[in-house]
């Protein structure tokens, strides 16, 4: 049994932490794990894509196109960018809140997040769209989007480890003062798809 996850977003959204939490939960379950990250201009809201692979057989860290079981999209355009990695029967969990690129904010390029969401609806039969940014803010911090999406993924019962194990790994990875916020965000994500 093997399982492949693509996590895509922009810098500052917590994609790297989400990948590390998933990898930690897989290791805690005794599964072999490989990860890979592409971090462009991450500190300037650039593209970030993480790939997490676990199970057996496991040869490398990079997921071939059309092989990912799960896509976690932290932003609509980045979810579209990661879509070629998702297998036809794969599941996508996507935050509907856009991060407007600087070039679009300056009027130098166009960005239509609704068109991105429409494209995802057309191309992904098993799509879960969440207002993850709103849910994170309601849980206590707008940067807890990663915890919302991890909770949603746990609720879909796709992962080869329990939601409780994933939550434990998440809480171990964040500073103590943010644990309760992340716990609430995780639960909000579970409820949003449950």
N, C-alpha and C. Protein backbone atom coordinates (compact mmCIF):
# COMPACT_ATOMS: atom_id res chain seq x y z
N UNK A 1 0.84 -1.18 0.00
CA UNK A 1 0.00 0.00 0.00
C UNK A 1 0.89 1.24 0.00
N UNK A 2 0.61 2.15 -0.90
CA UNK A 2 1.31 3.42 -0.91
C UNK A 2 0.30 4.54 -1.06
N UNK A 3 0.70 5.74 -0.64
CA UNK A 3 -0.21 6.89 -0.70
C UNK A 3 0.64 8.12 -0.98
N UNK A 4 0.18 8.92 -1.96
CA UNK A 4 0.91 10.11 -2.39
C UNK A 4 0.06 11.35 -2.22
N UNK A 5 0.68 12.40 -1.65
CA UNK A 5 -0.02 13.67 -1.39
C UNK A 5 0.78 14.82 -1.97
N UNK A 6 0.10 15.69 -2.71
CA UNK A 6 0.69 16.94 -3.18
C UNK A 6 0.05 18.07 -2.39
N UNK A 7 0.90 18.95 -1.86
CA UNK A 7 0.44 20.10 -1.09
C UNK A 7 0.96 21.33 -1.81
N UNK A 8 0.05 22.21 -2.21
CA UNK A 8 0.48 23.36 -2.99
C UNK A 8 -0.17 24.64 -2.49
N UNK A 9 0.62 25.70 -2.49
CA UNK A 9 0.14 27.00 -2.04
C UNK A 9 1.19 28.05 -2.30
N UNK A 10 1.16 29.10 -1.51
CA UNK A 10 2.16 30.15 -1.62
C UNK A 10 2.87 30.30 -0.28
N UNK A 11 4.00 30.97 -0.32
CA UNK A 11 4.80 31.16 0.88
C UNK A 11 4.01 31.79 2.01
N UNK A 12 4.22 31.28 3.20
CA UNK A 12 3.57 31.82 4.38
C UNK A 12 2.26 31.15 4.74
N UNK A 13 1.80 30.21 3.93
CA UNK A 13 0.52 29.56 4.22
C UNK A 13 0.64 28.31 5.08
N UNK A 14 1.84 27.84 5.32
CA UNK A 14 2.01 26.66 6.17
C UNK A 14 2.04 25.35 5.42
N UNK A 15 2.32 25.38 4.13
CA UNK A 15 2.36 24.14 3.35
C UNK A 15 3.49 23.22 3.80
N UNK A 16 4.64 23.79 4.10
CA UNK A 16 5.78 22.98 4.52
C UNK A 16 5.49 22.31 5.86
N UNK A 17 4.90 23.04 6.78
CA UNK A 17 4.53 22.44 8.07
C UNK A 17 3.52 21.31 7.86
N UNK A 18 2.55 21.51 6.99
CA UNK A 18 1.56 20.46 6.73
C UNK A 18 2.24 19.20 6.21
N UNK A 19 3.21 19.36 5.31
CA UNK A 19 3.94 18.20 4.78
C UNK A 19 4.70 17.48 5.89
N UNK A 20 5.32 18.25 6.76
CA UNK A 20 6.10 17.64 7.84
C UNK A 20 5.19 16.91 8.83
N UNK A 21 4.02 17.46 9.08
CA UNK A 21 3.06 16.81 9.98
C UNK A 21 2.57 15.50 9.38
N UNK A 22 2.23 15.51 8.09
CA UNK A 22 1.80 14.27 7.43
C UNK A 22 2.90 13.23 7.45
N UNK A 23 4.13 13.65 7.19
CA UNK A 23 5.25 12.71 7.22
C UNK A 23 5.45 12.14 8.63
N UNK A 24 5.33 12.99 9.64
CA UNK A 24 5.49 12.52 11.02
C UNK A 24 4.41 11.52 11.39
N UNK A 25 3.17 11.76 10.96
CA UNK A 25 2.08 10.83 11.25
C UNK A 25 2.31 9.49 10.56
N UNK A 26 2.81 9.53 9.32
CA UNK A 26 3.10 8.29 8.61
C UNK A 26 4.22 7.52 9.31
N UNK A 27 5.27 8.24 9.73
CA UNK A 27 6.37 7.57 10.45
C UNK A 27 5.88 6.98 11.76
N UNK A 28 5.01 7.70 12.47
CA UNK A 28 4.46 7.18 13.73
C UNK A 28 3.65 5.91 13.50
N UNK A 29 3.08 5.79 12.29
CA UNK A 29 2.31 4.58 11.95
C UNK A 29 3.21 3.47 11.42
N UNK A 30 4.53 3.73 11.39
CA UNK A 30 5.46 2.71 10.94
C UNK A 30 5.62 2.62 9.44
N UNK A 31 5.21 3.64 8.72
CA UNK A 31 5.29 3.62 7.26
C UNK A 31 6.58 4.28 6.78
N UNK A 32 7.19 3.75 5.73
CA UNK A 32 8.31 4.46 5.12
C UNK A 32 7.80 5.76 4.50
N UNK A 33 8.61 6.82 4.55
CA UNK A 33 8.17 8.14 4.08
C UNK A 33 9.27 8.78 3.25
N UNK A 34 8.85 9.50 2.21
CA UNK A 34 9.74 10.35 1.43
C UNK A 34 9.03 11.68 1.22
N UNK A 35 9.78 12.77 1.30
CA UNK A 35 9.18 14.09 1.04
C UNK A 35 10.08 14.88 0.09
N UNK A 36 9.46 15.84 -0.57
CA UNK A 36 10.18 16.75 -1.44
C UNK A 36 9.46 18.09 -1.40
N UNK A 37 10.24 19.16 -1.51
CA UNK A 37 9.65 20.50 -1.50
C UNK A 37 10.24 21.35 -2.60
N UNK A 38 9.37 22.12 -3.24
CA UNK A 38 9.79 23.14 -4.18
C UNK A 38 9.38 24.46 -3.55
N UNK A 39 10.36 25.24 -3.19
CA UNK A 39 10.09 26.51 -2.53
C UNK A 39 10.71 27.61 -3.38
N UNK A 40 9.85 28.28 -4.15
CA UNK A 40 10.33 29.36 -5.01
C UNK A 40 10.61 30.59 -4.16
N UNK A 41 10.00 31.67 -4.51
CA UNK A 41 10.14 32.90 -3.74
C UNK A 41 9.18 32.85 -2.56
N UNK A 42 9.31 31.81 -1.75
CA UNK A 42 8.34 31.52 -0.71
C UNK A 42 8.14 32.68 0.26
N UNK A 43 9.19 33.40 0.57
CA UNK A 43 9.04 34.49 1.51
C UNK A 43 8.33 35.68 0.89
N UNK A 44 8.12 35.64 -0.40
CA UNK A 44 7.44 36.73 -1.12
C UNK A 44 6.13 36.23 -1.72
N UNK A 45 5.51 35.29 -1.06
CA UNK A 45 4.25 34.68 -1.51
C UNK A 45 4.41 33.96 -2.83
N UNK A 46 5.58 33.38 -3.05
CA UNK A 46 5.83 32.60 -4.25
C UNK A 46 5.32 31.18 -4.09
N UNK A 47 5.42 30.41 -5.15
CA UNK A 47 4.92 29.04 -5.20
C UNK A 47 5.65 28.15 -4.22
N UNK A 48 4.89 27.33 -3.52
CA UNK A 48 5.44 26.28 -2.67
C UNK A 48 4.68 25.00 -2.99
N UNK A 49 5.42 23.95 -3.33
CA UNK A 49 4.80 22.65 -3.55
C UNK A 49 5.58 21.61 -2.76
N UNK A 50 4.86 20.87 -1.94
CA UNK A 50 5.46 19.77 -1.19
C UNK A 50 4.84 18.48 -1.68
N UNK A 51 5.65 17.44 -1.67
CA UNK A 51 5.17 16.12 -2.04
C UNK A 51 5.51 15.17 -0.90
N UNK A 52 4.51 14.41 -0.47
CA UNK A 52 4.69 13.46 0.62
C UNK A 52 4.25 12.10 0.11
N UNK A 53 5.15 11.16 0.21
CA UNK A 53 4.86 9.79 -0.23
C UNK A 53 5.12 8.85 0.94
N UNK A 54 4.19 7.93 1.17
CA UNK A 54 4.43 6.95 2.21
C UNK A 54 3.81 5.62 1.86
N UNK A 55 4.32 4.58 2.49
CA UNK A 55 3.86 3.23 2.25
C UNK A 55 4.91 2.41 1.55
N UNK A 56 4.46 1.32 0.94
CA UNK A 56 5.36 0.38 0.30
C UNK A 56 4.70 -0.13 -0.98
N UNK A 57 5.31 -0.13 -2.12
CA UNK A 57 6.70 0.23 -2.38
C UNK A 57 6.90 1.74 -2.45
N UNK A 58 8.11 2.16 -2.17
CA UNK A 58 8.44 3.59 -2.14
C UNK A 58 9.85 3.76 -2.70
N UNK A 59 9.93 4.36 -3.91
CA UNK A 59 11.24 4.46 -4.56
C UNK A 59 11.86 5.84 -4.45
N UNK A 60 11.10 6.87 -4.56
CA UNK A 60 11.67 8.21 -4.53
C UNK A 60 10.69 9.20 -3.95
N UNK A 61 11.14 10.45 -3.84
CA UNK A 61 10.32 11.48 -3.20
C UNK A 61 9.40 12.22 -4.16
N UNK A 62 9.68 12.16 -5.46
CA UNK A 62 8.87 12.91 -6.43
C UNK A 62 7.71 12.08 -6.95
N UNK A 63 6.54 12.67 -6.92
CA UNK A 63 5.33 12.00 -7.37
C UNK A 63 5.20 12.20 -8.88
N UNK A 64 5.10 11.12 -9.64
CA UNK A 64 4.89 11.28 -11.08
C UNK A 64 3.53 11.92 -11.37
N UNK A 65 3.42 12.55 -12.52
CA UNK A 65 2.14 13.13 -12.92
C UNK A 65 1.05 12.06 -12.93
N UNK A 66 -0.15 12.48 -12.50
CA UNK A 66 -1.35 11.63 -12.47
C UNK A 66 -1.23 10.44 -11.52
N UNK A 67 -0.44 10.60 -10.45
CA UNK A 67 -0.27 9.51 -9.49
C UNK A 67 -0.64 9.89 -8.06
N UNK A 68 -0.84 11.18 -7.77
CA UNK A 68 -1.15 11.59 -6.39
C UNK A 68 -2.57 11.16 -6.02
N UNK A 69 -2.70 10.66 -4.82
CA UNK A 69 -4.02 10.25 -4.30
C UNK A 69 -4.79 11.45 -3.75
N UNK A 70 -4.06 12.44 -3.25
CA UNK A 70 -4.68 13.57 -2.58
C UNK A 70 -3.93 14.85 -2.93
N UNK A 71 -4.67 15.89 -3.22
CA UNK A 71 -4.12 17.23 -3.44
C UNK A 71 -4.70 18.15 -2.39
N UNK A 72 -3.83 18.79 -1.61
CA UNK A 72 -4.26 19.82 -0.68
C UNK A 72 -3.87 21.16 -1.29
N UNK A 73 -4.85 21.92 -1.72
CA UNK A 73 -4.60 23.21 -2.36
C UNK A 73 -4.89 24.34 -1.39
N UNK A 74 -3.86 25.08 -1.03
CA UNK A 74 -4.02 26.16 -0.07
C UNK A 74 -4.53 27.44 -0.71
N UNK A 75 -4.62 27.45 -2.05
CA UNK A 75 -5.01 28.64 -2.80
C UNK A 75 -5.50 28.16 -4.16
N UNK A 76 -6.58 28.77 -4.72
CA UNK A 76 -7.17 28.23 -5.95
C UNK A 76 -6.22 28.09 -7.14
N UNK A 77 -5.46 29.12 -7.47
CA UNK A 77 -4.57 29.03 -8.64
C UNK A 77 -3.48 27.99 -8.42
N UNK A 78 -3.00 27.89 -7.20
CA UNK A 78 -1.95 26.90 -6.92
C UNK A 78 -2.52 25.49 -6.95
N UNK A 79 -3.79 25.33 -6.60
CA UNK A 79 -4.43 24.02 -6.73
C UNK A 79 -4.50 23.63 -8.20
N UNK A 80 -4.85 24.59 -9.06
CA UNK A 80 -4.87 24.32 -10.49
C UNK A 80 -3.47 23.94 -10.97
N UNK A 81 -2.46 24.65 -10.50
CA UNK A 81 -1.08 24.37 -10.88
C UNK A 81 -0.67 22.94 -10.47
N UNK A 82 -1.15 22.47 -9.34
CA UNK A 82 -0.80 21.14 -8.86
C UNK A 82 -1.64 20.03 -9.44
N UNK A 83 -2.71 20.37 -10.13
CA UNK A 83 -3.66 19.38 -10.63
C UNK A 83 -3.05 18.31 -11.53
N UNK A 84 -2.05 18.59 -12.36
CA UNK A 84 -1.48 17.52 -13.19
C UNK A 84 -0.90 16.36 -12.38
N UNK A 85 -0.59 16.57 -11.13
CA UNK A 85 -0.07 15.49 -10.28
C UNK A 85 -1.16 14.53 -9.80
N UNK A 86 -2.42 15.00 -9.77
CA UNK A 86 -3.52 14.21 -9.19
C UNK A 86 -3.98 13.12 -10.14
N UNK A 87 -4.16 11.92 -9.62
CA UNK A 87 -4.68 10.83 -10.44
C UNK A 87 -6.15 11.08 -10.77
N UNK A 88 -6.67 10.50 -11.83
CA UNK A 88 -8.06 10.76 -12.23
C UNK A 88 -9.09 10.48 -11.13
N UNK A 89 -8.84 9.49 -10.29
CA UNK A 89 -9.76 9.17 -9.20
C UNK A 89 -9.33 9.81 -7.88
N UNK A 90 -8.37 10.71 -7.93
CA UNK A 90 -7.86 11.34 -6.72
C UNK A 90 -8.83 12.33 -6.12
N UNK A 91 -8.49 12.75 -4.90
CA UNK A 91 -9.31 13.68 -4.13
C UNK A 91 -8.55 15.00 -3.99
N UNK A 92 -9.27 16.11 -4.15
CA UNK A 92 -8.67 17.43 -3.93
C UNK A 92 -9.44 18.16 -2.85
N UNK A 93 -8.71 18.73 -1.90
CA UNK A 93 -9.28 19.58 -0.85
C UNK A 93 -8.65 20.95 -1.04
N UNK A 94 -9.48 21.96 -1.32
CA UNK A 94 -8.95 23.25 -1.76
C UNK A 94 -9.56 24.39 -0.95
N UNK A 95 -8.69 25.28 -0.50
CA UNK A 95 -9.11 26.53 0.14
C UNK A 95 -9.59 27.48 -0.96
N UNK A 96 -10.78 28.04 -0.80
CA UNK A 96 -11.35 28.91 -1.83
C UNK A 96 -10.84 30.35 -1.76
N UNK A 97 -10.11 30.69 -0.72
CA UNK A 97 -9.64 32.07 -0.55
C UNK A 97 -8.38 32.30 -1.38
N UNK A 98 -8.43 33.25 -2.31
CA UNK A 98 -7.26 33.50 -3.15
C UNK A 98 -6.21 34.35 -2.45
N UNK A 99 -4.98 34.19 -2.90
CA UNK A 99 -3.90 35.10 -2.55
C UNK A 99 -3.56 35.81 -3.86
N UNK A 100 -3.91 37.07 -3.94
CA UNK A 100 -3.74 37.81 -5.19
C UNK A 100 -2.25 38.06 -5.44
N UNK A 101 -1.73 37.60 -6.58
CA UNK A 101 -0.31 37.85 -6.88
C UNK A 101 -0.03 39.34 -7.00
N UNK A 102 1.18 39.72 -6.68
CA UNK A 102 1.58 41.12 -6.73
C UNK A 102 1.32 41.71 -8.12
N UNK A 103 1.66 40.94 -9.16
CA UNK A 103 1.47 41.46 -10.52
C UNK A 103 0.00 41.74 -10.82
N UNK A 104 -0.89 40.90 -10.29
CA UNK A 104 -2.33 41.14 -10.49
C UNK A 104 -2.79 42.33 -9.67
N UNK A 105 -2.28 42.46 -8.46
CA UNK A 105 -2.65 43.60 -7.61
C UNK A 105 -2.21 44.92 -8.23
N UNK A 106 -1.11 44.89 -8.96
CA UNK A 106 -0.60 46.09 -9.62
C UNK A 106 -1.24 46.32 -10.99
N UNK A 107 -2.09 45.40 -11.42
CA UNK A 107 -2.74 45.55 -12.72
C UNK A 107 -1.88 45.12 -13.89
N UNK A 108 -0.79 44.42 -13.62
CA UNK A 108 0.12 43.98 -14.69
C UNK A 108 -0.27 42.63 -15.28
N UNK A 109 -1.12 41.90 -14.57
CA UNK A 109 -1.61 40.61 -15.06
C UNK A 109 -3.01 40.39 -14.49
N UNK A 110 -3.67 39.40 -15.02
CA UNK A 110 -5.03 39.09 -14.56
C UNK A 110 -5.01 37.86 -13.67
N UNK A 111 -5.90 37.84 -12.71
CA UNK A 111 -6.08 36.65 -11.88
C UNK A 111 -7.56 36.56 -11.54
N UNK A 112 -8.19 35.47 -11.97
CA UNK A 112 -9.61 35.25 -11.73
C UNK A 112 -9.78 33.98 -10.89
N UNK A 113 -9.83 34.14 -9.57
CA UNK A 113 -9.94 32.94 -8.72
C UNK A 113 -11.21 32.14 -8.98
N UNK A 114 -12.30 32.81 -9.37
CA UNK A 114 -13.54 32.08 -9.65
C UNK A 114 -13.37 31.17 -10.86
N UNK A 115 -12.60 31.62 -11.85
CA UNK A 115 -12.32 30.77 -13.02
C UNK A 115 -11.50 29.55 -12.60
N UNK A 116 -10.57 29.74 -11.67
CA UNK A 116 -9.77 28.62 -11.16
C UNK A 116 -10.67 27.60 -10.46
N UNK A 117 -11.59 28.09 -9.63
CA UNK A 117 -12.50 27.19 -8.92
C UNK A 117 -13.43 26.47 -9.89
N UNK A 118 -13.90 27.15 -10.92
CA UNK A 118 -14.75 26.53 -11.94
C UNK A 118 -13.98 25.43 -12.67
N UNK A 119 -12.73 25.69 -12.98
CA UNK A 119 -11.89 24.70 -13.65
C UNK A 119 -11.72 23.46 -12.76
N UNK A 120 -11.48 23.67 -11.49
CA UNK A 120 -11.35 22.55 -10.56
C UNK A 120 -12.64 21.75 -10.48
N UNK A 121 -13.78 22.45 -10.43
CA UNK A 121 -15.07 21.74 -10.38
C UNK A 121 -15.27 20.87 -11.62
N UNK A 122 -14.82 21.37 -12.75
CA UNK A 122 -14.96 20.63 -14.01
C UNK A 122 -14.03 19.43 -14.08
N UNK A 123 -12.81 19.56 -13.56
CA UNK A 123 -11.78 18.54 -13.75
C UNK A 123 -11.65 17.52 -12.62
N UNK A 124 -12.15 17.84 -11.43
CA UNK A 124 -11.93 16.95 -10.28
C UNK A 124 -13.26 16.42 -9.75
N UNK A 125 -13.56 15.16 -10.02
CA UNK A 125 -14.84 14.60 -9.56
C UNK A 125 -14.97 14.57 -8.04
N UNK A 126 -13.86 14.36 -7.34
CA UNK A 126 -13.89 14.27 -5.87
C UNK A 126 -13.22 15.51 -5.29
N UNK A 127 -13.94 16.62 -5.35
CA UNK A 127 -13.42 17.92 -4.96
C UNK A 127 -14.15 18.43 -3.72
N UNK A 128 -13.38 18.91 -2.75
CA UNK A 128 -13.93 19.53 -1.55
C UNK A 128 -13.40 20.95 -1.48
N UNK A 129 -14.29 21.91 -1.65
CA UNK A 129 -13.92 23.31 -1.57
C UNK A 129 -14.29 23.83 -0.19
N UNK A 130 -13.32 24.43 0.49
CA UNK A 130 -13.53 24.93 1.85
C UNK A 130 -13.16 26.39 1.95
N UNK A 131 -13.87 27.12 2.74
CA UNK A 131 -13.45 28.48 3.10
C UNK A 131 -12.47 28.35 4.27
N UNK A 132 -11.35 27.73 3.98
CA UNK A 132 -10.39 27.39 5.03
C UNK A 132 -9.81 28.62 5.72
N UNK A 133 -9.64 29.70 4.97
CA UNK A 133 -9.11 30.92 5.59
C UNK A 133 -10.09 31.48 6.61
N UNK A 134 -11.37 31.45 6.28
CA UNK A 134 -12.39 31.92 7.23
C UNK A 134 -12.44 31.01 8.44
N UNK A 135 -12.41 29.70 8.21
CA UNK A 135 -12.46 28.75 9.32
C UNK A 135 -11.25 28.92 10.24
N UNK A 136 -10.08 29.16 9.65
CA UNK A 136 -8.88 29.37 10.45
C UNK A 136 -9.01 30.62 11.31
N UNK A 137 -9.50 31.69 10.71
CA UNK A 137 -9.68 32.95 11.45
C UNK A 137 -10.68 32.74 12.60
N UNK A 138 -11.76 32.02 12.33
CA UNK A 138 -12.75 31.75 13.37
C UNK A 138 -12.18 30.89 14.49
N UNK A 139 -11.21 30.03 14.14
CA UNK A 139 -10.57 29.18 15.15
C UNK A 139 -9.59 29.97 16.02
N UNK A 140 -9.20 31.15 15.54
CA UNK A 140 -8.34 31.99 16.37
C UNK A 140 -7.13 32.58 15.68
N UNK A 141 -6.80 32.11 14.46
CA UNK A 141 -5.66 32.69 13.77
C UNK A 141 -5.77 32.42 12.27
N UNK A 142 -5.67 33.46 11.43
CA UNK A 142 -5.82 33.26 9.99
C UNK A 142 -4.74 32.39 9.36
N UNK A 143 -3.64 32.20 10.04
CA UNK A 143 -2.57 31.37 9.47
C UNK A 143 -2.73 29.88 9.80
N UNK A 144 -3.83 29.50 10.38
CA UNK A 144 -4.07 28.09 10.70
C UNK A 144 -4.77 27.36 9.57
N UNK A 145 -4.66 27.90 8.35
CA UNK A 145 -5.27 27.24 7.18
C UNK A 145 -4.75 25.82 7.03
N UNK A 146 -3.45 25.63 7.28
CA UNK A 146 -2.89 24.28 7.15
C UNK A 146 -3.59 23.30 8.08
N UNK A 147 -3.90 23.73 9.29
CA UNK A 147 -4.58 22.85 10.24
C UNK A 147 -6.00 22.54 9.78
N UNK A 148 -6.67 23.51 9.19
CA UNK A 148 -8.01 23.28 8.65
C UNK A 148 -7.95 22.22 7.55
N UNK A 149 -7.02 22.37 6.62
CA UNK A 149 -6.92 21.41 5.52
C UNK A 149 -6.48 20.03 5.99
N UNK A 150 -5.61 19.97 6.99
CA UNK A 150 -5.24 18.67 7.55
C UNK A 150 -6.44 18.00 8.21
N UNK A 151 -7.24 18.77 8.92
CA UNK A 151 -8.45 18.22 9.53
C UNK A 151 -9.42 17.70 8.49
N UNK A 152 -9.57 18.44 7.40
CA UNK A 152 -10.45 17.99 6.31
C UNK A 152 -9.94 16.69 5.72
N UNK A 153 -8.63 16.61 5.47
CA UNK A 153 -8.06 15.39 4.92
C UNK A 153 -8.29 14.21 5.86
N UNK A 154 -8.13 14.44 7.15
CA UNK A 154 -8.33 13.38 8.14
C UNK A 154 -9.77 12.90 8.14
N UNK A 155 -10.72 13.81 7.95
CA UNK A 155 -12.13 13.45 7.98
C UNK A 155 -12.55 12.61 6.79
N UNK A 156 -11.82 12.69 5.70
CA UNK A 156 -12.19 11.95 4.49
C UNK A 156 -11.85 10.48 4.58
N UNK A 157 -11.16 10.07 5.63
CA UNK A 157 -10.84 8.67 5.88
C UNK A 157 -10.05 8.04 4.74
N UNK A 158 -9.12 8.80 4.18
CA UNK A 158 -8.26 8.31 3.11
C UNK A 158 -6.89 7.88 3.62
N UNK A 159 -6.45 8.51 4.67
CA UNK A 159 -5.09 8.35 5.16
C UNK A 159 -4.93 7.04 5.94
N UNK A 160 -3.77 6.41 5.84
CA UNK A 160 -3.58 5.14 6.54
C UNK A 160 -3.15 5.30 8.00
N UNK A 161 -3.62 6.36 8.62
CA UNK A 161 -3.43 6.56 10.05
C UNK A 161 -4.62 7.36 10.55
N UNK A 162 -4.81 7.38 11.84
CA UNK A 162 -6.02 7.98 12.40
C UNK A 162 -5.95 9.51 12.43
N UNK A 163 -7.13 10.12 12.49
CA UNK A 163 -7.22 11.57 12.65
C UNK A 163 -6.55 11.98 13.96
N UNK A 164 -6.72 11.18 14.99
CA UNK A 164 -6.11 11.48 16.29
C UNK A 164 -4.59 11.49 16.22
N UNK A 165 -4.02 10.55 15.48
CA UNK A 165 -2.57 10.51 15.32
C UNK A 165 -2.08 11.73 14.55
N UNK A 166 -2.81 12.11 13.50
CA UNK A 166 -2.43 13.29 12.73
C UNK A 166 -2.51 14.55 13.59
N UNK A 167 -3.56 14.67 14.38
CA UNK A 167 -3.69 15.82 15.27
C UNK A 167 -2.57 15.85 16.30
N UNK A 168 -2.21 14.71 16.84
CA UNK A 168 -1.11 14.65 17.81
C UNK A 168 0.19 15.15 17.18
N UNK A 169 0.45 14.73 15.95
CA UNK A 169 1.68 15.17 15.26
C UNK A 169 1.63 16.66 14.97
N UNK A 170 0.45 17.17 14.62
CA UNK A 170 0.30 18.61 14.39
C UNK A 170 0.60 19.39 15.66
N UNK A 171 0.00 18.98 16.75
CA UNK A 171 0.17 19.71 18.00
C UNK A 171 1.62 19.64 18.51
N UNK A 172 2.30 18.53 18.21
CA UNK A 172 3.71 18.41 18.59
C UNK A 172 4.60 19.33 17.76
N UNK A 173 4.12 19.71 16.57
CA UNK A 173 4.94 20.51 15.65
C UNK A 173 4.79 22.02 15.83
N UNK A 174 3.79 22.44 16.61
CA UNK A 174 3.57 23.89 16.78
C UNK A 174 3.91 24.30 18.21
N UNK A 175 4.31 25.56 18.40
CA UNK A 175 4.60 26.03 19.76
C UNK A 175 3.36 25.90 20.66
N UNK A 176 3.61 25.68 21.92
CA UNK A 176 2.53 25.44 22.88
C UNK A 176 1.45 26.51 22.84
N UNK A 177 1.85 27.77 22.70
CA UNK A 177 0.86 28.85 22.74
C UNK A 177 -0.11 28.82 21.55
N UNK A 178 0.22 28.06 20.50
CA UNK A 178 -0.67 27.98 19.33
C UNK A 178 -1.40 26.64 19.24
N UNK A 179 -1.21 25.78 20.19
CA UNK A 179 -1.80 24.44 20.10
C UNK A 179 -3.32 24.46 20.12
N UNK A 180 -3.91 25.24 20.98
CA UNK A 180 -5.38 25.25 21.06
C UNK A 180 -6.00 25.82 19.79
N UNK A 181 -5.41 26.86 19.24
CA UNK A 181 -5.90 27.42 17.97
C UNK A 181 -5.83 26.38 16.88
N UNK A 182 -4.71 25.65 16.80
CA UNK A 182 -4.55 24.64 15.77
C UNK A 182 -5.48 23.45 15.99
N UNK A 183 -5.74 23.13 17.24
CA UNK A 183 -6.70 22.05 17.53
C UNK A 183 -8.10 22.46 17.02
N UNK A 184 -8.51 23.71 17.31
CA UNK A 184 -9.82 24.18 16.85
C UNK A 184 -9.88 24.23 15.33
N UNK A 185 -8.79 24.67 14.68
CA UNK A 185 -8.77 24.73 13.23
C UNK A 185 -8.86 23.34 12.61
N UNK A 186 -8.16 22.40 13.18
CA UNK A 186 -8.20 21.00 12.71
C UNK A 186 -9.62 20.46 12.80
N UNK A 187 -10.26 20.68 13.95
CA UNK A 187 -11.64 20.21 14.13
C UNK A 187 -12.60 20.90 13.18
N UNK A 188 -12.37 22.19 12.91
CA UNK A 188 -13.23 22.91 11.96
C UNK A 188 -13.10 22.32 10.57
N UNK A 189 -11.90 21.94 10.18
CA UNK A 189 -11.70 21.28 8.88
C UNK A 189 -12.41 19.94 8.82
N UNK A 190 -12.33 19.18 9.90
CA UNK A 190 -13.05 17.89 9.94
C UNK A 190 -14.55 18.11 9.77
N UNK A 191 -15.09 19.07 10.48
CA UNK A 191 -16.53 19.33 10.42
C UNK A 191 -16.96 19.83 9.05
N UNK A 192 -16.09 20.57 8.37
CA UNK A 192 -16.44 21.17 7.08
C UNK A 192 -16.70 20.13 6.00
N UNK A 193 -16.05 18.97 6.10
CA UNK A 193 -16.26 17.93 5.09
C UNK A 193 -17.00 16.73 5.65
N UNK A 194 -17.17 16.69 6.96
CA UNK A 194 -17.79 15.53 7.61
C UNK A 194 -19.29 15.47 7.51
